[in-house]
């Protein structure tokens, strides 16, 4: 099972993740990215997840196998 994760120590809140993949990401009260729900990346959302990983300038997003 694939999951999307955000490294909170790297995130600076530029918002690319939730602009690209709003089904997977939201923002917290400080406008930092947060993973929605359990972070499971289904096949239909994999492209959006990969685009968010590539677009994050801080490299704070990754897709992990669990």
Protein backbone atom coordinates (compact mmCIF):
# COMPACT_ATOMS: atom_id res chain seq x y z
CA UNK A 1 0.00 0.00 0.00
CA UNK A 2 1.33 3.44 -0.94
CA UNK A 3 1.04 6.39 1.41
CA UNK A 4 1.91 10.03 0.95
CA UNK A 5 3.78 11.75 3.77
CA UNK A 6 5.00 15.27 4.50
CA UNK A 7 8.15 15.90 6.51
CA UNK A 8 6.96 18.72 8.76
CA UNK A 9 10.55 19.79 9.49
CA UNK A 10 11.10 20.56 5.79
CA UNK A 11 7.73 22.06 4.88
CA UNK A 12 7.70 25.87 4.66
CA UNK A 13 4.09 26.23 3.57
CA UNK A 14 4.39 27.27 -0.06
CA UNK A 15 1.14 25.42 -0.84
CA UNK A 16 2.19 23.59 -3.98
CA UNK A 17 0.98 20.25 -2.65
CA UNK A 18 -2.62 21.22 -2.02
CA UNK A 19 -2.79 23.28 -5.20
CA UNK A 20 -1.67 20.26 -7.25
CA UNK A 21 -3.41 17.45 -5.35
CA UNK A 22 -6.27 18.80 -3.28
CA UNK A 23 -7.68 15.28 -2.88
CA UNK A 24 -4.52 14.28 -0.99
CA UNK A 25 -3.46 17.48 0.80
CA UNK A 26 -4.95 20.31 2.78
CA UNK A 27 -3.50 23.08 4.90
CA UNK A 28 -3.31 23.61 8.62
CA UNK A 29 -4.01 26.85 10.50
CA UNK A 30 -0.53 28.15 9.57
CA UNK A 31 -1.03 27.30 5.86
CA UNK A 32 1.41 24.39 6.03
CA UNK A 33 0.60 21.30 4.02
CA UNK A 34 -1.06 18.35 5.72
CA UNK A 35 -2.01 14.95 4.39
CA UNK A 36 -5.75 14.34 4.25
CA UNK A 37 -7.14 11.21 5.86
CA UNK A 38 -4.86 8.21 6.14
CA UNK A 39 -2.64 9.27 3.22
CA UNK A 40 -3.33 6.18 1.14
CA UNK A 41 -2.57 6.84 -2.53
CA UNK A 42 -4.93 4.92 -4.77
CA UNK A 43 -4.07 4.21 -8.40
CA UNK A 44 -6.29 7.03 -9.61
CA UNK A 45 -4.43 9.56 -7.41
CA UNK A 46 -0.90 8.28 -8.03
CA UNK A 47 -0.20 10.79 -10.82
CA UNK A 48 -1.27 13.70 -8.60
CA UNK A 49 0.83 12.37 -5.74
CA UNK A 50 3.91 12.04 -7.95
CA UNK A 51 3.38 15.56 -9.31
CA UNK A 52 3.19 16.93 -5.77
CA UNK A 53 6.42 15.14 -4.83
CA UNK A 54 8.21 16.63 -7.85
CA UNK A 55 6.77 20.13 -7.33
CA UNK A 56 7.69 20.50 -3.66
CA UNK A 57 10.75 22.81 -3.64
CA UNK A 58 11.76 21.66 -0.17
CA UNK A 59 11.55 17.94 -0.96
CA UNK A 60 9.21 17.53 2.00
CA UNK A 61 6.80 15.11 0.31
CA UNK A 62 7.39 11.44 -0.34
CA UNK A 63 5.46 8.33 -1.29
CA UNK A 64 6.23 5.32 0.88
CA UNK A 65 5.25 1.69 0.70
CA UNK A 66 3.67 0.30 3.84
